Amino acid sequence: MNNTTYAKLCGGIALVWTLALLFIPPFAKTVEQLMLLFLSTNAR
């Protein structure tokens, strides 16, 4: 995979992820809960 293809793939994934977080509230809430769970279990 060359750099151009990789950059387009990453940009597409980032765009889909951002739009999903903005326009699908249950998805955003689930992501937030998972992030808080991860941070609370790894806090020192």
PDB file of N, CA and C in Angstrom:
ATOM      1  N   MET A   1       0.853  -1.172   0.000  1.00  0.00           N
ATOM      2  CA  MET A   1       0.000   0.000   0.000  1.00  0.00           C
ATOM      3  C   MET A   1       0.901   1.237   0.000  1.00  0.00           C
ATOM      4  N   ASN A   2       0.699   2.100  -0.961  1.00  0.00           N
ATOM      5  CA  ASN A   2       1.550   3.282  -1.022  1.00  0.00           C
ATOM      6  C   ASN A   2       0.995   4.402  -0.137  1.00  0.00           C
ATOM      7  N   ASN A   3       1.750   5.486  -0.022  1.00  0.00           N
ATOM      8  CA  ASN A   3       1.394   6.560   0.904  1.00  0.00           C
ATOM      9  C   ASN A   3       0.077   7.244   0.539  1.00  0.00           C
ATOM     10  N   THR A   4      -0.178   7.425  -0.738  1.00  0.00           N
ATOM     11  CA  THR A   4      -1.406   8.101  -1.158  1.00  0.00           C
ATOM     12  C   THR A   4      -2.636   7.285  -0.785  1.00  0.00           C
ATOM     13  N   THR A   5      -2.591   6.011  -1.046  1.00  0.00           N
ATOM     14  CA  THR A   5      -3.714   5.134  -0.710  1.00  0.00           C
ATOM     15  C   THR A   5      -3.920   5.096   0.801  1.00  0.00           C
ATOM     16  N   TYR A   6      -2.833   5.017   1.546  1.00  0.00           N
ATOM     17  CA  TYR A   6      -2.912   4.975   3.005  1.00  0.00           C
ATOM     18  C   TYR A   6      -3.508   6.276   3.556  1.00  0.00           C
ATOM     19  N   ALA A   7      -3.099   7.415   3.012  1.00  0.00           N
ATOM     20  CA  ALA A   7      -3.625   8.698   3.465  1.00  0.00           C
ATOM     21  C   ALA A   7      -5.115   8.817   3.165  1.00  0.00           C
ATOM     22  N   LYS A   8      -5.549   8.371   1.988  1.00  0.00           N
ATOM     23  CA  LYS A   8      -6.969   8.402   1.647  1.00  0.00           C
ATOM     24  C   LYS A   8      -7.766   7.482   2.559  1.00  0.00           C
ATOM     25  N   LEU A   9      -7.248   6.317   2.855  1.00  0.00           N
ATOM     26  CA  LEU A   9      -7.927   5.377   3.740  1.00  0.00           C
ATOM     27  C   LEU A   9      -8.082   5.967   5.136  1.00  0.00           C
ATOM     28  N   CYS A  10      -7.022   6.526   5.676  1.00  0.00           N
ATOM     29  CA  CYS A  10      -7.084   7.124   7.014  1.00  0.00           C
ATOM     30  C   CYS A  10      -8.027   8.319   7.045  1.00  0.00           C
ATOM     31  N   GLY A  11      -7.993   9.136   5.999  1.00  0.00           N
ATOM     32  CA  GLY A  11      -8.900  10.277   5.924  1.00  0.00           C
ATOM     33  C   GLY A  11     -10.350   9.846   5.854  1.00  0.00           C
ATOM     34  N   GLY A  12     -10.633   8.797   5.093  1.00  0.00           N
ATOM     35  CA  GLY A  12     -11.995   8.273   4.999  1.00  0.00           C
ATOM     36  C   GLY A  12     -12.483   7.716   6.316  1.00  0.00           C
ATOM     37  N   ILE A  13     -11.631   6.978   6.989  1.00  0.00           N
ATOM     38  CA  ILE A  13     -12.013   6.419   8.294  1.00  0.00           C
ATOM     39  C   ILE A  13     -12.255   7.534   9.297  1.00  0.00           C
ATOM     40  N   ALA A  14     -11.397   8.549   9.296  1.00  0.00           N
ATOM     41  CA  ALA A  14     -11.569   9.676  10.216  1.00  0.00           C
ATOM     42  C   ALA A  14     -12.867  10.430   9.924  1.00  0.00           C
ATOM     43  N   LEU A  15     -13.192  10.602   8.658  1.00  0.00           N
ATOM     44  CA  LEU A  15     -14.427  11.301   8.287  1.00  0.00           C
ATOM     45  C   LEU A  15     -15.657  10.514   8.729  1.00  0.00           C
ATOM     46  N   VAL A  16     -15.672   9.228   8.472  1.00  0.00           N
ATOM     47  CA  VAL A  16     -16.804   8.385   8.875  1.00  0.00           C
ATOM     48  C   VAL A  16     -16.940   8.369  10.390  1.00  0.00           C
ATOM     49  N   TRP A  17     -15.813   8.262  11.102  1.00  0.00           N
ATOM     50  CA  TRP A  17     -15.833   8.234  12.570  1.00  0.00           C
ATOM     51  C   TRP A  17     -16.409   9.545  13.118  1.00  0.00           C
ATOM     52  N   THR A  18     -15.956  10.675  12.585  1.00  0.00           N
ATOM     53  CA  THR A  18     -16.420  11.982  13.044  1.00  0.00           C
ATOM     54  C   THR A  18     -17.909  12.165  12.771  1.00  0.00           C
ATOM     55  N   LEU A  19     -18.345  11.825  11.577  1.00  0.00           N
ATOM     56  CA  LEU A  19     -19.766  11.964  11.248  1.00  0.00           C
ATOM     57  C   LEU A  19     -20.629  11.054  12.112  1.00  0.00           C
ATOM     58  N   ALA A  20     -20.138   9.852  12.398  1.00  0.00           N
ATOM     59  CA  ALA A  20     -20.890   8.933  13.255  1.00  0.00           C
ATOM     60  C   ALA A  20     -21.012   9.497  14.667  1.00  0.00           C
ATOM     61  N   LEU A  21     -19.930  10.087  15.184  1.00  0.00           N
ATOM     62  CA  LEU A  21     -19.991  10.671  16.522  1.00  0.00           C
ATOM     63  C   LEU A  21     -20.935  11.869  16.572  1.00  0.00           C
ATOM     64  N   LEU A  22     -20.994  12.634  15.493  1.00  0.00           N
ATOM     65  CA  LEU A  22     -21.851  13.818  15.480  1.00  0.00           C
ATOM     66  C   LEU A  22     -23.324  13.500  15.283  1.00  0.00           C
ATOM     67  N   PHE A  23     -23.631  12.524  14.450  1.00  0.00           N
ATOM     68  CA  PHE A  23     -25.016  12.334  14.033  1.00  0.00           C
ATOM     69  C   PHE A  23     -25.680  11.061  14.559  1.00  0.00           C
ATOM     70  N   ILE A  24     -24.964  10.228  15.305  1.00  0.00           N
ATOM     71  CA  ILE A  24     -25.563   9.012  15.876  1.00  0.00           C
ATOM     72  C   ILE A  24     -25.342   9.057  17.391  1.00  0.00           C
ATOM     73  N   PRO A  25     -26.280   9.663  18.128  1.00  0.00           N
ATOM     74  CA  PRO A  25     -26.095   9.830  19.572  1.00  0.00           C
ATOM     75  C   PRO A  25     -25.819   8.543  20.360  1.00  0.00           C
ATOM     76  N   PRO A  26     -26.502   7.418  20.097  1.00  0.00           N
ATOM     77  CA  PRO A  26     -26.178   6.213  20.869  1.00  0.00           C
ATOM     78  C   PRO A  26     -24.738   5.739  20.642  1.00  0.00           C
ATOM     79  N   PHE A  27     -24.248   5.897  19.429  1.00  0.00           N
ATOM     80  CA  PHE A  27     -22.858   5.524  19.139  1.00  0.00           C
ATOM     81  C   PHE A  27     -21.901   6.413  19.917  1.00  0.00           C
ATOM     82  N   ALA A  28     -22.173   7.712  19.940  1.00  0.00           N
ATOM     83  CA  ALA A  28     -21.313   8.656  20.658  1.00  0.00           C
ATOM     84  C   ALA A  28     -21.323   8.362  22.158  1.00  0.00           C
ATOM     85  N   LYS A  29     -22.485   8.030  22.684  1.00  0.00           N
ATOM     86  CA  LYS A  29     -22.583   7.729  24.113  1.00  0.00           C
ATOM     87  C   LYS A  29     -21.811   6.451  24.459  1.00  0.00           C
ATOM     88  N   THR A  30     -21.908   5.452  23.606  1.00  0.00           N
ATOM     89  CA  THR A  30     -21.177   4.206  23.828  1.00  0.00           C
ATOM     90  C   THR A  30     -19.671   4.437  23.780  1.00  0.00           C
ATOM     91  N   VAL A  31     -19.221   5.214  22.814  1.00  0.00           N
ATOM     92  CA  VAL A  31     -17.791   5.521  22.710  1.00  0.00           C
ATOM     93  C   VAL A  31     -17.324   6.264  23.958  1.00  0.00           C
ATOM     94  N   GLU A  32     -18.124   7.229  24.422  1.00  0.00           N
ATOM     95  CA  GLU A  32     -17.767   7.988  25.614  1.00  0.00           C
ATOM     96  C   GLU A  32     -17.667   7.073  26.835  1.00  0.00           C
ATOM     97  N   GLN A  33     -18.624   6.156  26.985  1.00  0.00           N
ATOM     98  CA  GLN A  33     -18.597   5.242  28.126  1.00  0.00           C
ATOM     99  C   GLN A  33     -17.380   4.329  28.071  1.00  0.00           C
ATOM    100  N   LEU A  34     -17.049   3.841  26.880  1.00  0.00           N
ATOM    101  CA  LEU A  34     -15.874   2.970  26.749  1.00  0.00           C
ATOM    102  C   LEU A  34     -14.586   3.723  27.042  1.00  0.00           C
ATOM    103  N   MET A  35     -14.510   4.975  26.612  1.00  0.00           N
ATOM    104  CA  MET A  35     -13.319   5.769  26.892  1.00  0.00           C
ATOM    105  C   MET A  35     -13.180   6.026  28.389  1.00  0.00           C
ATOM    106  N   LEU A  36     -14.284   6.364  29.051  1.00  0.00           N
ATOM    107  CA  LEU A  36     -14.236   6.590  30.492  1.00  0.00           C
ATOM    108  C   LEU A  36     -13.887   5.318  31.252  1.00  0.00           C
ATOM    109  N   LEU A  37     -14.405   4.187  30.813  1.00  0.00           N
ATOM    110  CA  LEU A  37     -14.059   2.913  31.437  1.00  0.00           C
ATOM    111  C   LEU A  37     -12.573   2.622  31.286  1.00  0.00           C
ATOM    112  N   PHE A  38     -12.050   2.818  30.094  1.00  0.00           N
ATOM    113  CA  PHE A  38     -10.625   2.589  29.844  1.00  0.00           C
ATOM    114  C   PHE A  38      -9.769   3.508  30.708  1.00  0.00           C
ATOM    115  N   LEU A  39     -10.134   4.789  30.757  1.00  0.00           N
ATOM    116  CA  LEU A  39      -9.330   5.743  31.526  1.00  0.00           C
ATOM    117  C   LEU A  39      -9.425   5.474  33.030  1.00  0.00           C
ATOM    118  N   SER A  40     -10.588   5.079  33.504  1.00  0.00           N
ATOM    119  CA  SER A  40     -10.728   4.834  34.940  1.00  0.00           C
ATOM    120  C   SER A  40     -10.008   3.563  35.369  1.00  0.00           C
ATOM    121  N   THR A  41      -9.914   2.576  34.499  1.00  0.00           N
ATOM    122  CA  THR A  41      -9.235   1.344  34.876  1.00  0.00           C
ATOM    123  C   THR A  41      -7.707   1.493  34.762  1.00  0.00           C
ATOM    124  N   ASN A  42      -7.240   2.432  33.958  1.00  0.00           N
ATOM    125  CA  ASN A  42      -5.807   2.607  33.777  1.00  0.00           C
ATOM    126  C   ASN A  42      -5.249   3.822  34.525  1.00  0.00           C
ATOM    127  N   ALA A  43      -6.063   4.508  35.322  1.00  0.00           N
ATOM    128  CA  ALA A  43      -5.598   5.667  36.070  1.00  0.00           C
ATOM    129  C   ALA A  43      -4.746   5.205  37.249  1.00  0.00           C
ATOM    130  N   ARG A  44      -3.749   5.981  37.513  1.00  0.00           N
ATOM    131  CA  ARG A  44      -2.889   5.651  38.674  1.00  0.00           C
ATOM    132  C   ARG A  44      -2.788   6.819  39.595  1.00  0.00           C
TER     133      ARG A  44
END
